[in-house]
Amino acid sequence: MDERIRNEVGRAFAFECGVRELWPDDGPRAELRTKVEARALPPAQLVLMRFALDFYDGSGGNLGFVEATRLLMDCDGRDGMEGLFFLAEFIGSALTDMPESLALWVTQYNDEFTSRETQ
């Protein structure tokens, strides 16, 4: 898969987790990897960022979709449910085996992000 798409997916996950500044255009910063390794993020965010790092370059601790889903279901309250919804949206696009579907998901997410940021 195209590295640009993998990076854009990671950036979408980082925005969802409130750590957008740690995943700029050129890939995840070392500080983000350190936070993930130290488990210094809330549980649902940690699961999503581990999944994003795995998707980007395999460095998230080999966290697959099934394990990520299980961990998100174990998270307390709304964060876990929102994380599950976000992950399911992503997986629905990624499993089509069509890069354009995943690119469309990234584009739609970035459009939503831009509208939320301007509000």
N, C-alpha and C. Protein backbone atom coordinates (compact mmCIF):
# COMPACT_ATOMS: atom_id res chain seq x y z
N MET A 1 0.84 -1.18 0.00
CA MET A 1 0.00 0.00 0.00
C MET A 1 0.88 1.24 0.00
N ASP A 2 0.42 2.27 -0.63
CA ASP A 2 1.12 3.53 -0.77
C ASP A 2 1.45 4.13 0.61
N GLU A 3 2.71 4.54 0.79
CA GLU A 3 3.14 5.10 2.07
C GLU A 3 2.37 6.37 2.41
N ARG A 4 2.02 7.16 1.41
CA ARG A 4 1.27 8.40 1.64
C ARG A 4 -0.09 8.08 2.27
N ILE A 5 -0.77 7.05 1.75
CA ILE A 5 -2.08 6.66 2.30
C ILE A 5 -1.90 6.17 3.73
N ARG A 6 -0.88 5.34 3.97
CA ARG A 6 -0.65 4.83 5.34
C ARG A 6 -0.41 6.00 6.30
N ASN A 7 0.33 7.01 5.83
CA ASN A 7 0.59 8.18 6.68
C ASN A 7 -0.69 8.97 6.93
N GLU A 8 -1.50 9.17 5.91
CA GLU A 8 -2.75 9.91 6.08
C GLU A 8 -3.71 9.18 7.02
N VAL A 9 -3.74 7.87 6.94
CA VAL A 9 -4.56 7.08 7.87
C VAL A 9 -4.07 7.31 9.30
N GLY A 10 -2.77 7.24 9.49
CA GLY A 10 -2.20 7.49 10.82
C GLY A 10 -2.54 8.87 11.34
N ARG A 11 -2.49 9.86 10.47
CA ARG A 11 -2.83 11.23 10.87
C ARG A 11 -4.30 11.33 11.28
N ALA A 12 -5.17 10.62 10.57
CA ALA A 12 -6.60 10.63 10.94
C ALA A 12 -6.78 10.01 12.32
N PHE A 13 -6.11 8.90 12.58
CA PHE A 13 -6.18 8.27 13.90
C PHE A 13 -5.63 9.21 14.96
N ALA A 14 -4.52 9.89 14.67
CA ALA A 14 -3.92 10.82 15.64
C ALA A 14 -4.87 11.97 15.96
N PHE A 15 -5.55 12.48 14.93
CA PHE A 15 -6.52 13.54 15.19
C PHE A 15 -7.63 13.02 16.09
N GLU A 16 -8.14 11.85 15.77
CA GLU A 16 -9.23 11.26 16.56
C GLU A 16 -8.82 11.10 18.02
N CYS A 17 -7.54 10.86 18.25
CA CYS A 17 -7.04 10.63 19.61
C CYS A 17 -6.52 11.90 20.28
N GLY A 18 -6.62 13.03 19.60
CA GLY A 18 -6.20 14.30 20.20
C GLY A 18 -4.69 14.50 20.22
N VAL A 19 -3.96 13.79 19.39
CA VAL A 19 -2.50 13.94 19.35
C VAL A 19 -2.03 14.28 17.93
N ARG A 20 -2.84 15.04 17.22
CA ARG A 20 -2.55 15.38 15.83
C ARG A 20 -1.17 16.02 15.66
N GLU A 21 -0.77 16.86 16.61
CA GLU A 21 0.53 17.54 16.50
C GLU A 21 1.70 16.56 16.54
N LEU A 22 1.45 15.35 17.01
CA LEU A 22 2.53 14.35 17.09
C LEU A 22 2.61 13.48 15.84
N TRP A 23 1.71 13.73 14.87
CA TRP A 23 1.77 12.98 13.61
C TRP A 23 1.63 13.98 12.46
N PRO A 24 2.71 14.69 12.14
CA PRO A 24 2.66 15.66 11.05
C PRO A 24 2.70 14.98 9.68
N ASP A 25 2.81 15.77 8.64
CA ASP A 25 2.79 15.25 7.26
C ASP A 25 3.86 14.20 6.98
N ASP A 26 4.98 14.27 7.67
CA ASP A 26 6.08 13.37 7.35
C ASP A 26 6.14 12.12 8.23
N GLY A 27 5.08 11.82 8.96
CA GLY A 27 5.03 10.59 9.75
C GLY A 27 5.02 10.86 11.24
N PRO A 28 4.84 9.80 12.03
CA PRO A 28 4.73 9.97 13.48
C PRO A 28 6.06 10.42 14.10
N ARG A 29 5.95 11.30 15.06
CA ARG A 29 7.15 11.77 15.77
C ARG A 29 7.55 10.74 16.83
N ALA A 30 8.82 10.79 17.19
CA ALA A 30 9.35 9.88 18.21
C ALA A 30 8.61 10.04 19.53
N GLU A 31 8.17 11.26 19.84
CA GLU A 31 7.44 11.51 21.09
C GLU A 31 6.14 10.70 21.14
N LEU A 32 5.47 10.56 20.00
CA LEU A 32 4.24 9.77 19.97
C LEU A 32 4.56 8.30 20.23
N ARG A 33 5.59 7.80 19.58
CA ARG A 33 5.98 6.40 19.81
C ARG A 33 6.33 6.17 21.28
N THR A 34 7.02 7.15 21.88
CA THR A 34 7.39 7.05 23.30
C THR A 34 6.14 7.00 24.18
N LYS A 35 5.15 7.85 23.89
CA LYS A 35 3.91 7.85 24.66
C LYS A 35 3.19 6.52 24.52
N VAL A 36 3.17 5.98 23.33
CA VAL A 36 2.50 4.69 23.11
C VAL A 36 3.23 3.58 23.86
N GLU A 37 4.55 3.56 23.75
CA GLU A 37 5.33 2.53 24.45
C GLU A 37 5.18 2.64 25.96
N ALA A 38 5.10 3.86 26.47
CA ALA A 38 4.97 4.08 27.91
C ALA A 38 3.52 3.98 28.38
N ARG A 39 2.60 3.76 27.44
CA ARG A 39 1.17 3.70 27.75
C ARG A 39 0.70 4.97 28.45
N ALA A 40 1.18 6.11 27.92
CA ALA A 40 0.89 7.42 28.52
C ALA A 40 -0.28 8.12 27.85
N LEU A 41 -1.20 7.35 27.29
CA LEU A 41 -2.43 7.88 26.70
C LEU A 41 -3.60 7.17 27.36
N PRO A 42 -4.79 7.78 27.35
CA PRO A 42 -5.96 7.07 27.86
C PRO A 42 -6.15 5.74 27.11
N PRO A 43 -6.75 4.74 27.75
CA PRO A 43 -6.82 3.39 27.16
C PRO A 43 -7.34 3.31 25.73
N ALA A 44 -8.45 3.95 25.42
CA ALA A 44 -9.00 3.85 24.05
C ALA A 44 -8.06 4.51 23.05
N GLN A 45 -7.48 5.63 23.42
CA GLN A 45 -6.55 6.32 22.52
C GLN A 45 -5.30 5.48 22.30
N LEU A 46 -4.85 4.83 23.35
CA LEU A 46 -3.68 3.98 23.25
C LEU A 46 -3.92 2.84 22.26
N VAL A 47 -5.08 2.22 22.34
CA VAL A 47 -5.41 1.12 21.42
C VAL A 47 -5.43 1.64 19.97
N LEU A 48 -6.11 2.76 19.74
CA LEU A 48 -6.19 3.29 18.39
C LEU A 48 -4.82 3.68 17.85
N MET A 49 -3.98 4.29 18.68
CA MET A 49 -2.66 4.70 18.20
C MET A 49 -1.75 3.49 17.97
N ARG A 50 -1.87 2.47 18.79
CA ARG A 50 -1.10 1.24 18.53
C ARG A 50 -1.52 0.64 17.20
N PHE A 51 -2.82 0.61 16.95
CA PHE A 51 -3.33 0.08 15.69
C PHE A 51 -2.82 0.92 14.51
N ALA A 52 -2.85 2.26 14.66
CA ALA A 52 -2.39 3.15 13.59
C ALA A 52 -0.90 2.95 13.31
N LEU A 53 -0.10 2.81 14.35
CA LEU A 53 1.34 2.60 14.15
C LEU A 53 1.60 1.25 13.48
N ASP A 54 0.83 0.25 13.84
CA ASP A 54 0.96 -1.04 13.15
C ASP A 54 0.61 -0.90 11.67
N PHE A 55 -0.46 -0.19 11.39
CA PHE A 55 -0.88 0.00 10.00
C PHE A 55 0.19 0.77 9.23
N TYR A 56 0.79 1.75 9.89
CA TYR A 56 1.79 2.61 9.24
C TYR A 56 3.08 1.85 8.93
N ASP A 57 3.65 1.21 9.95
CA ASP A 57 4.94 0.57 9.73
C ASP A 57 5.20 -0.68 10.58
N GLY A 58 4.15 -1.19 11.21
CA GLY A 58 4.30 -2.42 11.99
C GLY A 58 4.88 -2.22 13.37
N SER A 59 4.96 -0.97 13.85
CA SER A 59 5.64 -0.72 15.13
C SER A 59 4.70 -0.56 16.32
N GLY A 60 3.45 -0.97 16.19
CA GLY A 60 2.50 -0.78 17.28
C GLY A 60 2.34 -1.98 18.19
N GLY A 61 3.19 -2.96 18.06
CA GLY A 61 3.11 -4.12 18.93
C GLY A 61 2.25 -5.23 18.36
N ASN A 62 2.12 -5.26 17.02
CA ASN A 62 1.39 -6.33 16.34
C ASN A 62 -0.06 -6.43 16.82
N LEU A 63 -0.72 -5.30 16.85
CA LEU A 63 -2.11 -5.23 17.30
C LEU A 63 -3.03 -5.29 16.10
N GLY A 64 -3.69 -6.40 15.94
CA GLY A 64 -4.61 -6.58 14.82
C GLY A 64 -6.01 -6.07 15.14
N PHE A 65 -6.88 -6.14 14.15
CA PHE A 65 -8.24 -5.64 14.29
C PHE A 65 -9.01 -6.35 15.41
N VAL A 66 -8.92 -7.66 15.46
CA VAL A 66 -9.68 -8.41 16.46
C VAL A 66 -9.23 -8.04 17.87
N GLU A 67 -7.92 -8.00 18.09
CA GLU A 67 -7.41 -7.64 19.41
C GLU A 67 -7.73 -6.19 19.75
N ALA A 68 -7.62 -5.29 18.77
CA ALA A 68 -7.97 -3.88 19.02
C ALA A 68 -9.44 -3.76 19.41
N THR A 69 -10.30 -4.49 18.72
CA THR A 69 -11.74 -4.47 19.03
C THR A 69 -11.98 -4.95 20.45
N ARG A 70 -11.34 -6.06 20.83
CA ARG A 70 -11.51 -6.60 22.18
C ARG A 70 -11.05 -5.59 23.23
N LEU A 71 -9.89 -4.97 23.00
CA LEU A 71 -9.37 -4.00 23.95
C LEU A 71 -10.27 -2.77 24.06
N LEU A 72 -10.82 -2.33 22.94
CA LEU A 72 -11.73 -1.18 22.97
C LEU A 72 -13.03 -1.53 23.70
N MET A 73 -13.49 -2.75 23.55
CA MET A 73 -14.70 -3.18 24.26
C MET A 73 -14.47 -3.20 25.77
N ASP A 74 -13.22 -3.41 26.18
CA ASP A 74 -12.89 -3.42 27.60
C ASP A 74 -12.72 -2.02 28.19
N CYS A 75 -12.63 -1.00 27.34
CA CYS A 75 -12.46 0.37 27.83
C CYS A 75 -13.76 0.87 28.45
N ASP A 76 -13.62 1.71 29.43
CA ASP A 76 -14.79 2.26 30.11
C ASP A 76 -15.50 3.30 29.26
N GLY A 77 -16.81 3.27 29.32
CA GLY A 77 -17.66 4.33 28.83
C GLY A 77 -17.58 4.68 27.36
N ARG A 78 -17.79 5.94 27.13
CA ARG A 78 -17.96 6.48 25.79
C ARG A 78 -16.70 6.37 24.94
N ASP A 79 -15.52 6.56 25.52
CA ASP A 79 -14.28 6.51 24.75
C ASP A 79 -14.12 5.19 24.02
N GLY A 80 -14.40 4.11 24.71
CA GLY A 80 -14.29 2.80 24.08
C GLY A 80 -15.27 2.62 22.94
N MET A 81 -16.50 3.07 23.15
CA MET A 81 -17.52 2.94 22.10
C MET A 81 -17.19 3.82 20.90
N GLU A 82 -16.75 5.03 21.14
CA GLU A 82 -16.37 5.91 20.03
C GLU A 82 -15.17 5.33 19.29
N GLY A 83 -14.24 4.77 20.03
CA GLY A 83 -13.08 4.13 19.41
C GLY A 83 -13.50 2.95 18.54
N LEU A 84 -14.44 2.15 19.01
CA LEU A 84 -14.95 1.02 18.22
C LEU A 84 -15.61 1.50 16.93
N PHE A 85 -16.41 2.54 17.03
CA PHE A 85 -17.08 3.08 15.85
C PHE A 85 -16.06 3.58 14.83
N PHE A 86 -15.07 4.33 15.30
CA PHE A 86 -14.03 4.87 14.43
C PHE A 86 -13.26 3.74 13.75
N LEU A 87 -12.86 2.75 14.52
CA LEU A 87 -12.11 1.62 13.98
C LEU A 87 -12.95 0.85 12.96
N ALA A 88 -14.23 0.65 13.26
CA ALA A 88 -15.11 -0.07 12.33
C ALA A 88 -15.26 0.68 11.02
N GLU A 89 -15.37 2.01 11.07
CA GLU A 89 -15.45 2.81 9.84
C GLU A 89 -14.19 2.62 9.00
N PHE A 90 -13.05 2.68 9.67
CA PHE A 90 -11.78 2.51 8.97
C PHE A 90 -11.68 1.13 8.34
N ILE A 91 -11.98 0.10 9.13
CA ILE A 91 -11.86 -1.28 8.64
C ILE A 91 -12.80 -1.51 7.47
N GLY A 92 -14.00 -0.95 7.55
CA GLY A 92 -14.94 -1.09 6.44
C GLY A 92 -14.37 -0.58 5.13
N SER A 93 -13.58 0.47 5.19
CA SER A 93 -12.95 1.02 3.99
C SER A 93 -11.72 0.21 3.61
N ALA A 94 -10.94 -0.19 4.59
CA ALA A 94 -9.68 -0.88 4.31
C ALA A 94 -9.87 -2.29 3.76
N LEU A 95 -10.94 -2.96 4.19
CA LEU A 95 -11.12 -4.36 3.79
C LEU A 95 -11.64 -4.54 2.37
N THR A 96 -11.95 -3.46 1.71
CA THR A 96 -12.45 -3.59 0.35
C THR A 96 -11.35 -3.98 -0.63
N ASP A 97 -10.08 -3.92 -0.20
CA ASP A 97 -8.93 -4.19 -1.06
C ASP A 97 -8.86 -3.21 -2.22
N MET A 98 -9.49 -2.08 -2.06
CA MET A 98 -9.45 -1.06 -3.10
C MET A 98 -8.81 0.19 -2.52
N PRO A 99 -7.60 0.51 -2.94
CA PRO A 99 -6.94 1.70 -2.38
C PRO A 99 -7.78 2.96 -2.50
N GLU A 100 -8.61 3.04 -3.57
CA GLU A 100 -9.42 4.25 -3.70
C GLU A 100 -10.45 4.36 -2.59
N SER A 101 -10.94 3.23 -2.08
CA SER A 101 -11.91 3.26 -0.98
C SER A 101 -11.25 3.81 0.28
N LEU A 102 -10.05 3.36 0.55
CA LEU A 102 -9.33 3.85 1.72
C LEU A 102 -8.97 5.33 1.54
N ALA A 103 -8.56 5.70 0.34
CA ALA A 103 -8.25 7.10 0.06
C ALA A 103 -9.49 7.97 0.24
N LEU A 104 -10.65 7.47 -0.15
CA LEU A 104 -11.90 8.21 0.03
C LEU A 104 -12.20 8.39 1.52
N TRP A 105 -12.00 7.33 2.32
CA TRP A 105 -12.22 7.42 3.77
C TRP A 105 -11.32 8.52 4.35
N VAL A 106 -10.04 8.53 3.95
CA VAL A 106 -9.11 9.54 4.45
C VAL A 106 -9.59 10.93 4.05
N THR A 107 -10.00 11.10 2.80
CA THR A 107 -10.47 12.40 2.33
C THR A 107 -11.70 12.85 3.10
N GLN A 108 -12.67 11.95 3.29
CA GLN A 108 -13.87 12.31 4.03
C GLN A 108 -13.53 12.65 5.48
N TYR A 109 -12.62 11.89 6.07
CA TYR A 109 -12.24 12.16 7.45
C TYR A 109 -11.55 13.52 7.54
N ASN A 110 -10.65 13.81 6.59
CA ASN A 110 -9.95 15.09 6.61
C ASN A 110 -10.92 16.25 6.42
N ASP A 111 -11.93 16.08 5.58
CA ASP A 111 -12.95 17.12 5.41
C ASP A 111 -13.71 17.35 6.70
N GLU A 112 -14.06 16.27 7.39
CA GLU A 112 -14.77 16.39 8.67
C GLU A 112 -13.87 17.06 9.70
N PHE A 113 -12.60 16.68 9.71
CA PHE A 113 -11.64 17.28 10.63
C PHE A 113 -11.54 18.78 10.40
N THR A 114 -11.45 19.18 9.14
CA THR A 114 -11.34 20.61 8.80
C THR A 114 -12.58 21.37 9.28
N SER A 115 -13.75 20.79 9.09
CA SER A 115 -14.97 21.49 9.53
C SER A 115 -15.03 21.56 11.05
N ARG A 116 -14.59 20.51 11.76
CA ARG A 116 -14.58 20.55 13.22
C ARG A 116 -13.57 21.56 13.74
N GLU A 117 -12.42 21.65 13.06
CA GLU A 117 -11.36 22.55 13.50
C GLU A 117 -11.76 24.01 13.35
N THR A 118 -12.58 24.33 12.34
CA THR A 118 -12.98 25.71 12.09
C THR A 118 -14.18 26.14 12.95
N GLN A 119 -14.81 25.21 13.64
CA GLN A 119 -15.96 25.57 14.48
C GLN A 119 -15.55 26.08 15.82
